[in-house]
């Protein structure tokens, strides 16, 4: 009987020691975790406007065609279509087209999400942050039919102005822009 008890104790302690040793071996041979490199956004100069500051930017009187996109990093359709605006900015800049990306991200997320997004996606279009809590004033001032939903886009020049409360494909966005180029 003593031998059985001793054998049981030996097995129990052996298993504990073996599992402890296995854990140590695993810890010592495990592949080190990759640490994410912090992205420095301190060099990004983000202009922040309320409606009084934004209003002149979305109603310019010059010889350019202006494409103004209202978006946010938390809006999946907005993020999906941003490359189309970036491509538009690159391909039509020589044709007097100017793209302005107006972020409606929350001010508390400017440093942690918006600037990080701008850097990570290397946005080349002008990006500004819009911070105005008086939605009852600025939504109808931008367009009386706008519900406030995102994404939303304005394309305008001196003679024509179009408002879109929808997302675009690359082709659809170019078709709308070409109406202003002719």
C-alpha atoms as a PDB file:
ATOM      1  CA  UNK A   1       0.000   0.000   0.000  1.00  0.00           C
ATOM      2  CA  UNK A   2       2.876   2.332   0.873  1.00  0.00           C
ATOM      3  CA  UNK A   3       4.393   1.647  -2.490  1.00  0.00           C
ATOM      4  CA  UNK A   4       1.184   2.567  -4.302  1.00  0.00           C
ATOM      5  CA  UNK A   5       0.897   5.848  -2.392  1.00  0.00           C
ATOM      6  CA  UNK A   6       4.552   6.648  -3.056  1.00  0.00           C
ATOM      7  CA  UNK A   7       4.122   5.769  -6.707  1.00  0.00           C
ATOM      8  CA  UNK A   8       1.068   8.040  -6.965  1.00  0.00           C
ATOM      9  CA  UNK A   9       2.911  10.919  -5.275  1.00  0.00           C
ATOM     10  CA  UNK A  10       5.878  10.396  -7.560  1.00  0.00           C
ATOM     11  CA  UNK A  11       3.673  10.460 -10.668  1.00  0.00           C
ATOM     12  CA  UNK A  12       1.787  13.571  -9.518  1.00  0.00           C
ATOM     13  CA  UNK A  13       4.929  15.528  -8.736  1.00  0.00           C
ATOM     14  CA  UNK A  14       6.643  14.288 -11.877  1.00  0.00           C
ATOM     15  CA  UNK A  15       3.761  15.487 -14.041  1.00  0.00           C
ATOM     16  CA  UNK A  16       3.745  18.909 -12.383  1.00  0.00           C
ATOM     17  CA  UNK A  17       7.487  19.237 -12.862  1.00  0.00           C
ATOM     18  CA  UNK A  18       7.238  18.021 -16.438  1.00  0.00           C
ATOM     19  CA  UNK A  19       4.488  20.503 -17.299  1.00  0.00           C
ATOM     20  CA  UNK A  20       6.474  23.266 -15.594  1.00  0.00           C
ATOM     21  CA  UNK A  21       9.551  22.344 -17.636  1.00  0.00           C
ATOM     22  CA  UNK A  22       7.472  22.150 -20.820  1.00  0.00           C
ATOM     23  CA  UNK A  23       6.112  25.630 -20.122  1.00  0.00           C
ATOM     24  CA  UNK A  24       9.633  26.963 -19.550  1.00  0.00           C
ATOM     25  CA  UNK A  25      10.861  25.381 -22.776  1.00  0.00           C
ATOM     26  CA  UNK A  26       7.895  26.789 -24.674  1.00  0.00           C
ATOM     27  CA  UNK A  27       8.460  30.242 -23.211  1.00  0.00           C
ATOM     28  CA  UNK A  28      12.149  30.139 -24.100  1.00  0.00           C
ATOM     29  CA  UNK A  29      11.618  28.870 -27.638  1.00  0.00           C
ATOM     30  CA  UNK A  30       8.450  30.751 -28.527  1.00  0.00           C
ATOM     31  CA  UNK A  31       8.599  33.075 -31.518  1.00  0.00           C
ATOM     32  CA  UNK A  32       8.817  36.628 -30.193  1.00  0.00           C
ATOM     33  CA  UNK A  33       5.681  38.663 -30.751  1.00  0.00           C
ATOM     34  CA  UNK A  34       5.931  41.431 -33.298  1.00  0.00           C
ATOM     35  CA  UNK A  35       5.575  44.810 -31.711  1.00  0.00           C
ATOM     36  CA  UNK A  36       3.645  47.331 -33.749  1.00  0.00           C
ATOM     37  CA  UNK A  37       5.757  50.295 -34.545  1.00  0.00           C
ATOM     38  CA  UNK A  38       4.173  53.473 -33.342  1.00  0.00           C
ATOM     39  CA  UNK A  39       3.327  55.798 -36.181  1.00  0.00           C
ATOM     40  CA  UNK A  40       4.418  59.362 -35.559  1.00  0.00           C
ATOM     41  CA  UNK A  41       1.551  61.706 -36.416  1.00  0.00           C
ATOM     42  CA  UNK A  42       3.020  64.765 -34.708  1.00  0.00           C
ATOM     43  CA  UNK A  43       4.075  66.237 -38.059  1.00  0.00           C
ATOM     44  CA  UNK A  44       0.540  66.176 -39.464  1.00  0.00           C
ATOM     45  CA  UNK A  45      -0.952  69.645 -39.354  1.00  0.00           C
ATOM     46  CA  UNK A  46      -4.703  69.224 -39.127  1.00  0.00           C
ATOM     47  CA  UNK A  47      -6.808  72.309 -39.714  1.00  0.00           C
ATOM     48  CA  UNK A  48     -10.032  72.326 -37.683  1.00  0.00           C
ATOM     49  CA  UNK A  49     -13.040  74.408 -38.690  1.00  0.00           C
ATOM     50  CA  UNK A  50     -16.519  75.180 -37.465  1.00  0.00           C
ATOM     51  CA  UNK A  51     -19.177  76.026 -40.056  1.00  0.00           C
ATOM     52  CA  UNK A  52     -18.173  79.692 -40.286  1.00  0.00           C
ATOM     53  CA  UNK A  53     -14.641  78.590 -41.199  1.00  0.00           C
ATOM     54  CA  UNK A  54     -15.810  75.809 -43.519  1.00  0.00           C
ATOM     55  CA  UNK A  55     -18.339  77.885 -45.441  1.00  0.00           C
ATOM     56  CA  UNK A  56     -15.789  79.801 -47.560  1.00  0.00           C
ATOM     57  CA  UNK A  57     -13.991  76.531 -48.375  1.00  0.00           C
ATOM     58  CA  UNK A  58     -17.125  74.934 -49.838  1.00  0.00           C
ATOM     59  CA  UNK A  59     -18.287  78.032 -51.723  1.00  0.00           C
ATOM     60  CA  UNK A  60     -15.197  79.244 -53.535  1.00  0.00           C
ATOM     61  CA  UNK A  61     -15.592  81.552 -56.509  1.00  0.00           C
ATOM     62  CA  UNK A  62     -12.686  80.739 -58.794  1.00  0.00           C
ATOM     63  CA  UNK A  63     -11.931  78.909 -62.035  1.00  0.00           C
ATOM     64  CA  UNK A  64     -11.592  75.464 -60.414  1.00  0.00           C
ATOM     65  CA  UNK A  65     -13.915  72.505 -60.081  1.00  0.00           C
ATOM     66  CA  UNK A  66     -14.216  71.661 -56.400  1.00  0.00           C
ATOM     67  CA  UNK A  67     -14.949  68.189 -55.083  1.00  0.00           C
ATOM     68  CA  UNK A  68     -15.787  68.230 -51.376  1.00  0.00           C
ATOM     69  CA  UNK A  69     -16.277  64.894 -49.647  1.00  0.00           C
ATOM     70  CA  UNK A  70     -17.735  64.640 -46.133  1.00  0.00           C
ATOM     71  CA  UNK A  71     -16.496  61.460 -44.478  1.00  0.00           C
ATOM     72  CA  UNK A  72     -15.280  59.863 -41.233  1.00  0.00           C
ATOM     73  CA  UNK A  73     -12.900  57.058 -40.334  1.00  0.00           C
ATOM     74  CA  UNK A  74     -15.756  55.216 -38.575  1.00  0.00           C
ATOM     75  CA  UNK A  75     -17.897  55.231 -41.755  1.00  0.00           C
ATOM     76  CA  UNK A  76     -17.169  52.062 -43.777  1.00  0.00           C
ATOM     77  CA  UNK A  77     -18.649  53.338 -47.084  1.00  0.00           C
ATOM     78  CA  UNK A  78     -16.633  56.544 -46.657  1.00  0.00           C
ATOM     79  CA  UNK A  79     -13.380  54.669 -46.151  1.00  0.00           C
ATOM     80  CA  UNK A  80     -14.160  52.388 -49.088  1.00  0.00           C
ATOM     81  CA  UNK A  81     -14.584  55.307 -51.499  1.00  0.00           C
ATOM     82  CA  UNK A  82     -11.671  57.462 -50.281  1.00  0.00           C
ATOM     83  CA  UNK A  83      -9.212  55.911 -52.770  1.00  0.00           C
ATOM     84  CA  UNK A  84     -11.528  57.063 -55.570  1.00  0.00           C
ATOM     85  CA  UNK A  85     -11.256  60.675 -54.380  1.00  0.00           C
ATOM     86  CA  UNK A  86      -7.499  60.288 -54.047  1.00  0.00           C
ATOM     87  CA  UNK A  87      -7.278  58.963 -57.601  1.00  0.00           C
ATOM     88  CA  UNK A  88      -9.503  61.797 -58.820  1.00  0.00           C
ATOM     89  CA  UNK A  89      -7.211  64.287 -57.092  1.00  0.00           C
ATOM     90  CA  UNK A  90      -4.148  62.829 -58.822  1.00  0.00           C
ATOM     91  CA  UNK A  91      -5.607  62.303 -62.283  1.00  0.00           C
ATOM     92  CA  UNK A  92      -7.464  65.609 -62.638  1.00  0.00           C
ATOM     93  CA  UNK A  93      -5.284  68.094 -60.757  1.00  0.00           C
ATOM     94  CA  UNK A  94      -3.934  69.391 -64.082  1.00  0.00           C
ATOM     95  CA  UNK A  95      -7.513  70.029 -65.202  1.00  0.00           C
ATOM     96  CA  UNK A  96      -8.172  72.505 -62.389  1.00  0.00           C
ATOM     97  CA  UNK A  97      -9.886  70.013 -60.083  1.00  0.00           C
ATOM     98  CA  UNK A  98      -9.390  70.418 -56.345  1.00  0.00           C
ATOM     99  CA  UNK A  99     -10.408  67.739 -53.822  1.00  0.00           C
ATOM    100  CA  UNK A 100     -11.181  68.587 -50.200  1.00  0.00           C
ATOM    101  CA  UNK A 101     -11.821  65.811 -47.673  1.00  0.00           C
ATOM    102  CA  UNK A 102     -13.872  67.079 -44.720  1.00  0.00           C
ATOM    103  CA  UNK A 103     -13.608  64.690 -41.784  1.00  0.00           C
ATOM    104  CA  UNK A 104     -16.495  64.511 -39.348  1.00  0.00           C
ATOM    105  CA  UNK A 105     -14.519  62.382 -36.908  1.00  0.00           C
ATOM    106  CA  UNK A 106     -14.995  63.211 -33.247  1.00  0.00           C
ATOM    107  CA  UNK A 107     -12.437  65.696 -31.864  1.00  0.00           C
ATOM    108  CA  UNK A 108     -11.282  63.175 -29.239  1.00  0.00           C
ATOM    109  CA  UNK A 109     -10.203  60.910 -32.137  1.00  0.00           C
ATOM    110  CA  UNK A 110      -8.177  63.404 -34.157  1.00  0.00           C
ATOM    111  CA  UNK A 111      -4.821  62.222 -32.800  1.00  0.00           C
ATOM    112  CA  UNK A 112      -5.580  58.520 -32.318  1.00  0.00           C
ATOM    113  CA  UNK A 113      -7.688  57.754 -35.376  1.00  0.00           C
ATOM    114  CA  UNK A 114      -7.918  60.557 -37.933  1.00  0.00           C
ATOM    115  CA  UNK A 115      -4.254  61.555 -38.130  1.00  0.00           C
ATOM    116  CA  UNK A 116      -3.211  57.919 -37.924  1.00  0.00           C
ATOM    117  CA  UNK A 117      -5.572  57.090 -40.809  1.00  0.00           C
ATOM    118  CA  UNK A 118      -4.228  60.017 -42.854  1.00  0.00           C
ATOM    119  CA  UNK A 119      -0.646  58.872 -42.342  1.00  0.00           C
ATOM    120  CA  UNK A 120      -1.315  55.166 -42.820  1.00  0.00           C
ATOM    121  CA  UNK A 121      -3.192  55.750 -46.091  1.00  0.00           C
ATOM    122  CA  UNK A 122      -0.883  58.557 -47.234  1.00  0.00           C
ATOM    123  CA  UNK A 123      -3.771  60.876 -48.117  1.00  0.00           C
ATOM    124  CA  UNK A 124      -2.609  63.476 -50.623  1.00  0.00           C
ATOM    125  CA  UNK A 125      -5.844  65.445 -50.907  1.00  0.00           C
ATOM    126  CA  UNK A 126      -6.336  68.307 -48.489  1.00  0.00           C
ATOM    127  CA  UNK A 127      -7.956  66.980 -45.299  1.00  0.00           C
ATOM    128  CA  UNK A 128      -9.618  69.183 -42.727  1.00  0.00           C
ATOM    129  CA  UNK A 129     -11.540  68.342 -39.569  1.00  0.00           C
ATOM    130  CA  UNK A 130     -15.007  69.745 -39.111  1.00  0.00           C
ATOM    131  CA  UNK A 131     -16.047  70.423 -35.528  1.00  0.00           C
ATOM    132  CA  UNK A 132     -19.379  72.168 -35.093  1.00  0.00           C
ATOM    133  CA  UNK A 133     -22.076  70.878 -32.748  1.00  0.00           C
ATOM    134  CA  UNK A 134     -24.875  73.020 -34.244  1.00  0.00           C
ATOM    135  CA  UNK A 135     -26.043  70.442 -36.794  1.00  0.00           C
ATOM    136  CA  UNK A 136     -29.410  72.176 -37.146  1.00  0.00           C
ATOM    137  CA  UNK A 137     -27.542  75.134 -38.617  1.00  0.00           C
ATOM    138  CA  UNK A 138     -24.850  73.617 -40.820  1.00  0.00           C
ATOM    139  CA  UNK A 139     -26.543  70.539 -42.313  1.00  0.00           C
ATOM    140  CA  UNK A 140     -29.282  72.537 -44.096  1.00  0.00           C
ATOM    141  CA  UNK A 141     -26.781  75.298 -44.895  1.00  0.00           C
ATOM    142  CA  UNK A 142     -24.633  72.789 -46.791  1.00  0.00           C
ATOM    143  CA  UNK A 143     -27.698  71.364 -48.540  1.00  0.00           C
ATOM    144  CA  UNK A 144     -31.349  71.676 -47.516  1.00  0.00           C
ATOM    145  CA  UNK A 145     -32.034  68.063 -48.573  1.00  0.00           C
ATOM    146  CA  UNK A 146     -29.116  66.547 -46.653  1.00  0.00           C
ATOM    147  CA  UNK A 147     -30.160  64.248 -43.814  1.00  0.00           C
ATOM    148  CA  UNK A 148     -26.662  64.435 -42.326  1.00  0.00           C
ATOM    149  CA  UNK A 149     -25.772  60.882 -43.400  1.00  0.00           C
ATOM    150  CA  UNK A 150     -22.282  60.042 -44.604  1.00  0.00           C
ATOM    151  CA  UNK A 151     -20.743  59.896 -47.081  1.00  0.00           C
ATOM    152  CA  UNK A 152     -21.857  63.067 -48.785  1.00  0.00           C
ATOM    153  CA  UNK A 153     -20.194  64.968 -51.610  1.00  0.00           C
ATOM    154  CA  UNK A 154     -20.460  68.349 -53.260  1.00  0.00           C
ATOM    155  CA  UNK A 155     -19.080  68.968 -56.740  1.00  0.00           C
ATOM    156  CA  UNK A 156     -19.233  72.575 -57.879  1.00  0.00           C
ATOM    157  CA  UNK A 157     -17.741  75.331 -59.976  1.00  0.00           C
ATOM    158  CA  UNK A 158     -18.830  78.911 -60.673  1.00  0.00           C
ATOM    159  CA  UNK A 159     -21.785  77.829 -62.821  1.00  0.00           C
ATOM    160  CA  UNK A 160     -23.029  74.590 -61.340  1.00  0.00           C
ATOM    161  CA  UNK A 161     -23.386  72.836 -57.988  1.00  0.00           C
ATOM    162  CA  UNK A 162     -24.373  69.221 -57.319  1.00  0.00           C
ATOM    163  CA  UNK A 163     -24.904  67.536 -53.941  1.00  0.00           C
ATOM    164  CA  UNK A 164     -24.777  63.749 -53.458  1.00  0.00           C
ATOM    165  CA  UNK A 165     -25.813  61.935 -50.301  1.00  0.00           C
ATOM    166  CA  UNK A 166     -24.395  58.568 -51.305  1.00  0.00           C
ATOM    167  CA  UNK A 167     -21.209  56.633 -51.882  1.00  0.00           C
ATOM    168  CA  UNK A 168     -19.525  56.288 -55.263  1.00  0.00           C
ATOM    169  CA  UNK A 169     -17.626  53.780 -57.308  1.00  0.00           C
ATOM    170  CA  UNK A 170     -14.598  55.125 -59.172  1.00  0.00           C
ATOM    171  CA  UNK A 171     -16.538  55.111 -62.433  1.00  0.00           C
ATOM    172  CA  UNK A 172     -19.583  56.893 -60.970  1.00  0.00           C
ATOM    173  CA  UNK A 173     -17.422  59.597 -59.419  1.00  0.00           C
ATOM    174  CA  UNK A 174     -15.628  60.248 -62.700  1.00  0.00           C
ATOM    175  CA  UNK A 175     -18.923  60.385 -64.608  1.00  0.00           C
ATOM    176  CA  UNK A 176     -20.203  63.050 -62.203  1.00  0.00           C
ATOM    177  CA  UNK A 177     -16.962  65.028 -62.411  1.00  0.00           C
ATOM    178  CA  UNK A 178     -16.938  64.931 -66.224  1.00  0.00           C
ATOM    179  CA  UNK A 179     -20.264  66.799 -66.251  1.00  0.00           C
ATOM    180  CA  UNK A 180     -18.310  69.740 -64.847  1.00  0.00           C
ATOM    181  CA  UNK A 181     -15.327  69.379 -67.168  1.00  0.00           C
ATOM    182  CA  UNK A 182     -17.335  69.770 -70.388  1.00  0.00           C
END
